[in-house]
Amino acid sequence: MKSHKTAAAFGAVLRELRKQQSLSQEKLAFESGLDRTYISLLEVGQRSPSLETMLALSRALQIPLAYLASLVEARLVESSDDRRNAS
């Protein structure tokens, strides 16, 4: 279950970053050397990225990998806090 939550958090962060930079999935795919459908699957949390994929995406988005990871971690903490507060 944790793996799905992590993939969903990564996907949400990826989508936000892509949209902030006004990139289409196609453009991000081209810039990162990944397939557009794979970008889509990442964004909806159906796939988990490898370290290589995360590096390619962070380079394409022109952000440090550590920043990308910190955003995902913050999203996971936020969703965990939301669940605790709802209980």
PDB file of N, CA and C in Angstrom:
ATOM      1  N   MET A   1       0.815  -1.206   0.000  1.00  0.00           N
ATOM      2  CA  MET A   1       0.000   0.000   0.000  1.00  0.00           C
ATOM      3  C   MET A   1       0.853   1.262   0.000  1.00  0.00           C
ATOM      4  N   LYS A   2       1.965   1.241   0.766  1.00  0.00           N
ATOM      5  CA  LYS A   2       2.833   2.410   0.805  1.00  0.00           C
ATOM      6  C   LYS A   2       3.376   2.754  -0.564  1.00  0.00           C
ATOM      7  N   SER A   3       3.707   1.735  -1.349  1.00  0.00           N
ATOM      8  CA  SER A   3       4.261   1.950  -2.677  1.00  0.00           C
ATOM      9  C   SER A   3       3.278   2.742  -3.541  1.00  0.00           C
ATOM     10  N   HIS A   4       1.997   2.402  -3.450  1.00  0.00           N
ATOM     11  CA  HIS A   4       0.978   3.126  -4.227  1.00  0.00           C
ATOM     12  C   HIS A   4       0.899   4.581  -3.773  1.00  0.00           C
ATOM     13  N   LYS A   5       0.966   4.806  -2.465  1.00  0.00           N
ATOM     14  CA  LYS A   5       0.900   6.174  -1.949  1.00  0.00           C
ATOM     15  C   LYS A   5       2.102   6.990  -2.412  1.00  0.00           C
ATOM     16  N   THR A   6       3.251   6.355  -2.432  1.00  0.00           N
ATOM     17  CA  THR A   6       4.463   7.036  -2.887  1.00  0.00           C
ATOM     18  C   THR A   6       4.359   7.364  -4.367  1.00  0.00           C
ATOM     19  N   ALA A   7       3.891   6.416  -5.158  1.00  0.00           N
ATOM     20  CA  ALA A   7       3.730   6.647  -6.601  1.00  0.00           C
ATOM     21  C   ALA A   7       2.715   7.759  -6.856  1.00  0.00           C
ATOM     22  N   ALA A   8       1.642   7.780  -6.093  1.00  0.00           N
ATOM     23  CA  ALA A   8       0.623   8.820  -6.252  1.00  0.00           C
ATOM     24  C   ALA A   8       1.181  10.188  -5.868  1.00  0.00           C
ATOM     25  N   ALA A   9       1.970  10.238  -4.800  1.00  0.00           N
ATOM     26  CA  ALA A   9       2.578  11.500  -4.376  1.00  0.00           C
ATOM     27  C   ALA A   9       3.570  11.989  -5.430  1.00  0.00           C
ATOM     28  N   PHE A  10       4.388  11.084  -5.939  1.00  0.00           N
ATOM     29  CA  PHE A  10       5.336  11.463  -6.976  1.00  0.00           C
ATOM     30  C   PHE A  10       4.589  11.994  -8.200  1.00  0.00           C
ATOM     31  N   GLY A  11       3.549  11.318  -8.604  1.00  0.00           N
ATOM     32  CA  GLY A  11       2.780  11.720  -9.774  1.00  0.00           C
ATOM     33  C   GLY A  11       2.156  13.096  -9.623  1.00  0.00           C
ATOM     34  N   ALA A  12       1.614  13.363  -8.447  1.00  0.00           N
ATOM     35  CA  ALA A  12       0.999  14.673  -8.204  1.00  0.00           C
ATOM     36  C   ALA A  12       2.042  15.784  -8.263  1.00  0.00           C
ATOM     37  N   VAL A  13       3.207  15.533  -7.674  1.00  0.00           N
ATOM     38  CA  VAL A  13       4.291  16.526  -7.699  1.00  0.00           C
ATOM     39  C   VAL A  13       4.772  16.736  -9.129  1.00  0.00           C
ATOM     40  N   LEU A  14       4.957  15.648  -9.861  1.00  0.00           N
ATOM     41  CA  LEU A  14       5.422  15.746 -11.249  1.00  0.00           C
ATOM     42  C   LEU A  14       4.455  16.578 -12.089  1.00  0.00           C
ATOM     43  N   ARG A  15       3.174  16.307 -11.946  1.00  0.00           N
ATOM     44  CA  ARG A  15       2.168  17.051 -12.711  1.00  0.00           C
ATOM     45  C   ARG A  15       2.202  18.540 -12.365  1.00  0.00           C
ATOM     46  N   GLU A  16       2.302  18.852 -11.075  1.00  0.00           N
ATOM     47  CA  GLU A  16       2.347  20.258 -10.658  1.00  0.00           C
ATOM     48  C   GLU A  16       3.576  20.965 -11.235  1.00  0.00           C
ATOM     49  N   LEU A  17       4.729  20.316 -11.144  1.00  0.00           N
ATOM     50  CA  LEU A  17       5.955  20.917 -11.664  1.00  0.00           C
ATOM     51  C   LEU A  17       5.868  21.124 -13.177  1.00  0.00           C
ATOM     52  N   ARG A  18       5.344  20.112 -13.866  1.00  0.00           N
ATOM     53  CA  ARG A  18       5.208  20.208 -15.330  1.00  0.00           C
ATOM     54  C   ARG A  18       4.294  21.364 -15.705  1.00  0.00           C
ATOM     55  N   LYS A  19       3.176  21.481 -15.026  1.00  0.00           N
ATOM     56  CA  LYS A  19       2.225  22.546 -15.341  1.00  0.00           C
ATOM     57  C   LYS A  19       2.764  23.922 -14.969  1.00  0.00           C
ATOM     58  N   GLN A  20       3.510  24.011 -13.855  1.00  0.00           N
ATOM     59  CA  GLN A  20       4.118  25.281 -13.461  1.00  0.00           C
ATOM     60  C   GLN A  20       5.048  25.805 -14.547  1.00  0.00           C
ATOM     61  N   GLN A  21       5.680  24.879 -15.265  1.00  0.00           N
ATOM     62  CA  GLN A  21       6.601  25.267 -16.330  1.00  0.00           C
ATOM     63  C   GLN A  21       5.915  25.304 -17.699  1.00  0.00           C
ATOM     64  N   SER A  22       4.605  25.168 -17.707  1.00  0.00           N
ATOM     65  CA  SER A  22       3.809  25.192 -18.941  1.00  0.00           C
ATOM     66  C   SER A  22       4.304  24.188 -19.972  1.00  0.00           C
ATOM     67  N   LEU A  23       4.642  22.997 -19.494  1.00  0.00           N
ATOM     68  CA  LEU A  23       5.086  21.925 -20.380  1.00  0.00           C
ATOM     69  C   LEU A  23       3.957  20.929 -20.604  1.00  0.00           C
ATOM     70  N   SER A  24       3.817  20.484 -21.822  1.00  0.00           N
ATOM     71  CA  SER A  24       2.891  19.387 -22.097  1.00  0.00           C
ATOM     72  C   SER A  24       3.592  18.087 -21.698  1.00  0.00           C
ATOM     73  N   GLN A  25       2.827  17.030 -21.560  1.00  0.00           N
ATOM     74  CA  GLN A  25       3.443  15.728 -21.302  1.00  0.00           C
ATOM     75  C   GLN A  25       4.380  15.363 -22.446  1.00  0.00           C
ATOM     76  N   GLU A  26       3.980  15.690 -23.641  1.00  0.00           N
ATOM     77  CA  GLU A  26       4.796  15.385 -24.819  1.00  0.00           C
ATOM     78  C   GLU A  26       6.136  16.110 -24.772  1.00  0.00           C
ATOM     79  N   LYS A  27       6.118  17.389 -24.409  1.00  0.00           N
ATOM     80  CA  LYS A  27       7.355  18.173 -24.338  1.00  0.00           C
ATOM     81  C   LYS A  27       8.259  17.649 -23.218  1.00  0.00           C
ATOM     82  N   LEU A  28       7.671  17.340 -22.059  1.00  0.00           N
ATOM     83  CA  LEU A  28       8.458  16.793 -20.961  1.00  0.00           C
ATOM     84  C   LEU A  28       9.063  15.446 -21.353  1.00  0.00           C
ATOM     85  N   ALA A  29       8.290  14.637 -22.043  1.00  0.00           N
ATOM     86  CA  ALA A  29       8.793  13.345 -22.507  1.00  0.00           C
ATOM     87  C   ALA A  29       9.980  13.539 -23.437  1.00  0.00           C
ATOM     88  N   PHE A  30       9.860  14.457 -24.362  1.00  0.00           N
ATOM     89  CA  PHE A  30      10.948  14.725 -25.301  1.00  0.00           C
ATOM     90  C   PHE A  30      12.199  15.201 -24.564  1.00  0.00           C
ATOM     91  N   GLU A  31      12.012  16.157 -23.657  1.00  0.00           N
ATOM     92  CA  GLU A  31      13.140  16.734 -22.923  1.00  0.00           C
ATOM     93  C   GLU A  31      13.824  15.720 -22.007  1.00  0.00           C
ATOM     94  N   SER A  32      13.055  14.752 -21.503  1.00  0.00           N
ATOM     95  CA  SER A  32      13.609  13.770 -20.568  1.00  0.00           C
ATOM     96  C   SER A  32      14.038  12.472 -21.242  1.00  0.00           C
ATOM     97  N   GLY A  33      13.654  12.293 -22.505  1.00  0.00           N
ATOM     98  CA  GLY A  33      13.983  11.054 -23.204  1.00  0.00           C
ATOM     99  C   GLY A  33      13.083   9.893 -22.817  1.00  0.00           C
ATOM    100  N   LEU A  34      11.921  10.214 -22.268  1.00  0.00           N
ATOM    101  CA  LEU A  34      10.951   9.192 -21.857  1.00  0.00           C
ATOM    102  C   LEU A  34       9.754   9.212 -22.802  1.00  0.00           C
ATOM    103  N   ASP A  35       8.936   8.194 -22.725  1.00  0.00           N
ATOM    104  CA  ASP A  35       7.738   8.113 -23.551  1.00  0.00           C
ATOM    105  C   ASP A  35       6.608   8.926 -22.923  1.00  0.00           C
ATOM    106  N   ARG A  36       5.802   9.582 -23.723  1.00  0.00           N
ATOM    107  CA  ARG A  36       4.700  10.391 -23.204  1.00  0.00           C
ATOM    108  C   ARG A  36       3.714   9.565 -22.399  1.00  0.00           C
ATOM    109  N   THR A  37       3.442   8.356 -22.844  1.00  0.00           N
ATOM    110  CA  THR A  37       2.488   7.527 -22.094  1.00  0.00           C
ATOM    111  C   THR A  37       3.046   7.147 -20.724  1.00  0.00           C
ATOM    112  N   TYR A  38       4.364   6.999 -20.642  1.00  0.00           N
ATOM    113  CA  TYR A  38       4.990   6.702 -19.355  1.00  0.00           C
ATOM    114  C   TYR A  38       4.858   7.904 -18.416  1.00  0.00           C
ATOM    115  N   ILE A  39       5.029   9.103 -18.950  1.00  0.00           N
ATOM    116  CA  ILE A  39       4.834  10.325 -18.148  1.00  0.00           C
ATOM    117  C   ILE A  39       3.410  10.334 -17.592  1.00  0.00           C
ATOM    118  N   SER A  40       2.454  10.007 -18.433  1.00  0.00           N
ATOM    119  CA  SER A  40       1.054   9.964 -18.008  1.00  0.00           C
ATOM    120  C   SER A  40       0.847   8.938 -16.892  1.00  0.00           C
ATOM    121  N   LEU A  41       1.420   7.761 -17.055  1.00  0.00           N
ATOM    122  CA  LEU A  41       1.280   6.717 -16.032  1.00  0.00           C
ATOM    123  C   LEU A  41       1.935   7.131 -14.718  1.00  0.00           C
ATOM    124  N   LEU A  42       3.042   7.830 -14.800  1.00  0.00           N
ATOM    125  CA  LEU A  42       3.681   8.349 -13.588  1.00  0.00           C
ATOM    126  C   LEU A  42       2.772   9.361 -12.903  1.00  0.00           C
ATOM    127  N   GLU A  43       2.211  10.257 -13.680  1.00  0.00           N
ATOM    128  CA  GLU A  43       1.383  11.331 -13.112  1.00  0.00           C
ATOM    129  C   GLU A  43       0.127  10.811 -12.426  1.00  0.00           C
ATOM    130  N   VAL A  44      -0.416   9.717 -12.899  1.00  0.00           N
ATOM    131  CA  VAL A  44      -1.621   9.176 -12.258  1.00  0.00           C
ATOM    132  C   VAL A  44      -1.289   8.127 -11.207  1.00  0.00           C
ATOM    133  N   GLY A  45       0.006   7.942 -10.941  1.00  0.00           N
ATOM    134  CA  GLY A  45       0.422   7.036  -9.876  1.00  0.00           C
ATOM    135  C   GLY A  45       0.361   5.562 -10.216  1.00  0.00           C
ATOM    136  N   GLN A  46       0.285   5.241 -11.499  1.00  0.00           N
ATOM    137  CA  GLN A  46       0.232   3.834 -11.897  1.00  0.00           C
ATOM    138  C   GLN A  46       1.609   3.217 -12.092  1.00  0.00           C
ATOM    139  N   ARG A  47       2.634   4.038 -12.093  1.00  0.00           N
ATOM    140  CA  ARG A  47       4.015   3.569 -12.199  1.00  0.00           C
ATOM    141  C   ARG A  47       4.868   4.320 -11.179  1.00  0.00           C
ATOM    142  N   SER A  48       5.894   3.640 -10.694  1.00  0.00           N
ATOM    143  CA  SER A  48       6.869   4.259  -9.799  1.00  0.00           C
ATOM    144  C   SER A  48       8.162   4.467 -10.576  1.00  0.00           C
ATOM    145  N   PRO A  49       8.751   5.640 -10.459  1.00  0.00           N
ATOM    146  CA  PRO A  49       9.960   5.910 -11.243  1.00  0.00           C
ATOM    147  C   PRO A  49      11.204   5.269 -10.631  1.00  0.00           C
ATOM    148  N   SER A  50      12.121   4.896 -11.490  1.00  0.00           N
ATOM    149  CA  SER A  50      13.437   4.456 -11.036  1.00  0.00           C
ATOM    150  C   SER A  50      14.263   5.699 -10.734  1.00  0.00           C
ATOM    151  N   LEU A  51      15.409   5.501 -10.132  1.00  0.00           N
ATOM    152  CA  LEU A  51      16.306   6.620  -9.877  1.00  0.00           C
ATOM    153  C   LEU A  51      16.729   7.265 -11.193  1.00  0.00           C
ATOM    154  N   GLU A  52      16.992   6.459 -12.202  1.00  0.00           N
ATOM    155  CA  GLU A  52      17.358   6.984 -13.523  1.00  0.00           C
ATOM    156  C   GLU A  52      16.258   7.881 -14.092  1.00  0.00           C
ATOM    157  N   THR A  53      15.018   7.438 -13.951  1.00  0.00           N
ATOM    158  CA  THR A  53      13.875   8.206 -14.439  1.00  0.00           C
ATOM    159  C   THR A  53      13.754   9.521 -13.671  1.00  0.00           C
ATOM    160  N   MET A  54      13.926   9.464 -12.353  1.00  0.00           N
ATOM    161  CA  MET A  54      13.847  10.684 -11.551  1.00  0.00           C
ATOM    162  C   MET A  54      14.941  11.672 -11.955  1.00  0.00           C
ATOM    163  N   LEU A  55      16.136  11.161 -12.234  1.00  0.00           N
ATOM    164  CA  LEU A  55      17.223  12.027 -12.690  1.00  0.00           C
ATOM    165  C   LEU A  55      16.885  12.675 -14.033  1.00  0.00           C
ATOM    166  N   ALA A  56      16.364  11.890 -14.950  1.00  0.00           N
ATOM    167  CA  ALA A  56      16.000  12.409 -16.272  1.00  0.00           C
ATOM    168  C   ALA A  56      14.924  13.482 -16.152  1.00  0.00           C
ATOM    169  N   LEU A  57      13.953  13.249 -15.301  1.00  0.00           N
ATOM    170  CA  LEU A  57      12.867  14.218 -15.127  1.00  0.00           C
ATOM    171  C   LEU A  57      13.368  15.493 -14.440  1.00  0.00           C
ATOM    172  N   SER A  58      14.197  15.341 -13.424  1.00  0.00           N
ATOM    173  CA  SER A  58      14.700  16.536 -12.734  1.00  0.00           C
ATOM    174  C   SER A  58      15.562  17.370 -13.678  1.00  0.00           C
ATOM    175  N   ARG A  59      16.348  16.715 -14.526  1.00  0.00           N
ATOM    176  CA  ARG A  59      17.147  17.462 -15.511  1.00  0.00           C
ATOM    177  C   ARG A  59      16.229  18.188 -16.502  1.00  0.00           C
ATOM    178  N   ALA A  60      15.214  17.487 -16.982  1.00  0.00           N
ATOM    179  CA  ALA A  60      14.294  18.093 -17.949  1.00  0.00           C
ATOM    180  C   ALA A  60      13.534  19.267 -17.339  1.00  0.00           C
ATOM    181  N   LEU A  61      13.217  19.162 -16.056  1.00  0.00           N
ATOM    182  CA  LEU A  61      12.505  20.233 -15.358  1.00  0.00           C
ATOM    183  C   LEU A  61      13.470  21.302 -14.833  1.00  0.00           C
ATOM    184  N   GLN A  62      14.749  21.039 -14.986  1.00  0.00           N
ATOM    185  CA  GLN A  62      15.810  21.950 -14.545  1.00  0.00           C
ATOM    186  C   GLN A  62      15.728  22.265 -13.052  1.00  0.00           C
ATOM    187  N   ILE A  63      15.556  21.185 -12.283  1.00  0.00           N
ATOM    188  CA  ILE A  63      15.547  21.286 -10.829  1.00  0.00           C
ATOM    189  C   ILE A  63      16.462  20.202 -10.270  1.00  0.00           C
ATOM    190  N   PRO A  64      17.032  20.428  -9.096  1.00  0.00           N
ATOM    191  CA  PRO A  64      17.857  19.383  -8.485  1.00  0.00           C
ATOM    192  C   PRO A  64      17.004  18.159  -8.092  1.00  0.00           C
ATOM    193  N   LEU A  65      17.599  16.999  -8.216  1.00  0.00           N
ATOM    194  CA  LEU A  65      16.910  15.771  -7.814  1.00  0.00           C
ATOM    195  C   LEU A  65      16.492  15.845  -6.347  1.00  0.00           C
ATOM    196  N   ALA A  66      17.345  16.412  -5.514  1.00  0.00           N
ATOM    197  CA  ALA A  66      17.033  16.525  -4.088  1.00  0.00           C
ATOM    198  C   ALA A  66      15.765  17.363  -3.863  1.00  0.00           C
ATOM    199  N   TYR A  67      15.580  18.391  -4.683  1.00  0.00           N
ATOM    200  CA  TYR A  67      14.383  19.221  -4.559  1.00  0.00           C
ATOM    201  C   TYR A  67      13.142  18.429  -4.943  1.00  0.00           C
ATOM    202  N   LEU A  68      13.238  17.678  -6.030  1.00  0.00           N
ATOM    203  CA  LEU A  68      12.124  16.833  -6.458  1.00  0.00           C
ATOM    204  C   LEU A  68      11.763  15.846  -5.351  1.00  0.00           C
ATOM    205  N   ALA A  69      12.775  15.198  -4.792  1.00  0.00           N
ATOM    206  CA  ALA A  69      12.541  14.224  -3.716  1.00  0.00           C
ATOM    207  C   ALA A  69      11.928  14.885  -2.488  1.00  0.00           C
ATOM    208  N   SER A  70      12.382  16.093  -2.169  1.00  0.00           N
ATOM    209  CA  SER A  70      11.838  16.777  -0.991  1.00  0.00           C
ATOM    210  C   SER A  70      10.369  17.149  -1.188  1.00  0.00           C
ATOM    211  N   LEU A  71      10.002  17.509  -2.404  1.00  0.00           N
ATOM    212  CA  LEU A  71       8.587  17.814  -2.685  1.00  0.00           C
ATOM    213  C   LEU A  71       7.712  16.573  -2.535  1.00  0.00           C
ATOM    214  N   VAL A  72       8.225  15.438  -3.003  1.00  0.00           N
ATOM    215  CA  VAL A  72       7.471  14.175  -2.873  1.00  0.00           C
ATOM    216  C   VAL A  72       7.336  13.811  -1.399  1.00  0.00           C
ATOM    217  N   GLU A  73       8.431  13.940  -0.661  1.00  0.00           N
ATOM    218  CA  GLU A  73       8.395  13.626   0.767  1.00  0.00           C
ATOM    219  C   GLU A  73       7.401  14.530   1.497  1.00  0.00           C
ATOM    220  N   ALA A  74       7.408  15.820   1.173  1.00  0.00           N
ATOM    221  CA  ALA A  74       6.471  16.757   1.797  1.00  0.00           C
ATOM    222  C   ALA A  74       5.031  16.382   1.469  1.00  0.00           C
ATOM    223  N   ARG A  75       4.785  15.945   0.238  1.00  0.00           N
ATOM    224  CA  ARG A  75       3.434  15.528  -0.167  1.00  0.00           C
ATOM    225  C   ARG A  75       2.990  14.310   0.641  1.00  0.00           C
ATOM    226  N   LEU A  76       3.899  13.379   0.864  1.00  0.00           N
ATOM    227  CA  LEU A  76       3.579  12.187   1.655  1.00  0.00           C
ATOM    228  C   LEU A  76       3.267  12.554   3.103  1.00  0.00           C
ATOM    229  N   VAL A  77       4.049  13.448   3.678  1.00  0.00           N
ATOM    230  CA  VAL A  77       3.809  13.892   5.053  1.00  0.00           C
ATOM    231  C   VAL A  77       2.472  14.612   5.133  1.00  0.00           C
ATOM    232  N   GLU A  78       2.205  15.464   4.162  1.00  0.00           N
ATOM    233  CA  GLU A  78       0.943  16.213   4.123  1.00  0.00           C
ATOM    234  C   GLU A  78      -0.256  15.273   4.056  1.00  0.00           C
ATOM    235  N   SER A  79      -0.180  14.259   3.190  1.00  0.00           N
ATOM    236  CA  SER A  79      -1.311  13.328   3.069  1.00  0.00           C
ATOM    237  C   SER A  79      -1.453  12.484   4.329  1.00  0.00           C
ATOM    238  N   SER A  80      -0.358  12.179   4.983  1.00  0.00           N
ATOM    239  CA  SER A  80      -0.398  11.429   6.239  1.00  0.00           C
ATOM    240  C   SER A  80      -1.042  12.278   7.336  1.00  0.00           C
ATOM    241  N   ASP A  81      -0.673  13.562   7.392  1.00  0.00           N
ATOM    242  CA  ASP A  81      -1.272  14.473   8.369  1.00  0.00           C
ATOM    243  C   ASP A  81      -2.755  14.651   8.114  1.00  0.00           C
ATOM    244  N   ASP A  82      -3.152  14.740   6.851  1.00  0.00           N
ATOM    245  CA  ASP A  82      -4.573  14.885   6.497  1.00  0.00           C
ATOM    246  C   ASP A  82      -5.376  13.695   6.988  1.00  0.00           C
ATOM    247  N   ARG A  83      -4.806  12.486   6.839  1.00  0.00           N
ATOM    248  CA  ARG A  83      -5.508  11.280   7.289  1.00  0.00           C
ATOM    249  C   ARG A  83      -5.635  11.271   8.811  1.00  0.00           C
ATOM    250  N   ARG A  84      -4.596  11.699   9.497  1.00  0.00           N
ATOM    251  CA  ARG A  84      -4.651  11.731  10.968  1.00  0.00           C
ATOM    252  C   ARG A  84      -5.685  12.725  11.456  1.00  0.00           C
ATOM    253  N   ASN A  85      -5.755  13.880  10.817  1.00  0.00           N
ATOM    254  CA  ASN A  85      -6.705  14.913  11.225  1.00  0.00           C
ATOM    255  C   ASN A  85      -8.142  14.528  10.920  1.00  0.00           C
ATOM    256  N   ALA A  86      -8.343  13.674   9.927  1.00  0.00           N
ATOM    257  CA  ALA A  86      -9.694  13.239   9.550  1.00  0.00           C
ATOM    258  C   ALA A  86     -10.214  12.176  10.519  1.00  0.00           C
ATOM    259  N   SER A  87      -9.322  11.551  11.262  1.00  0.00           N
ATOM    260  CA  SER A  87      -9.731  10.458  12.181  1.00  0.00           C
ATOM    261  C   SER A  87     -10.331  10.978  13.443  1.00  0.00           C
TER     262      SER A  87
END
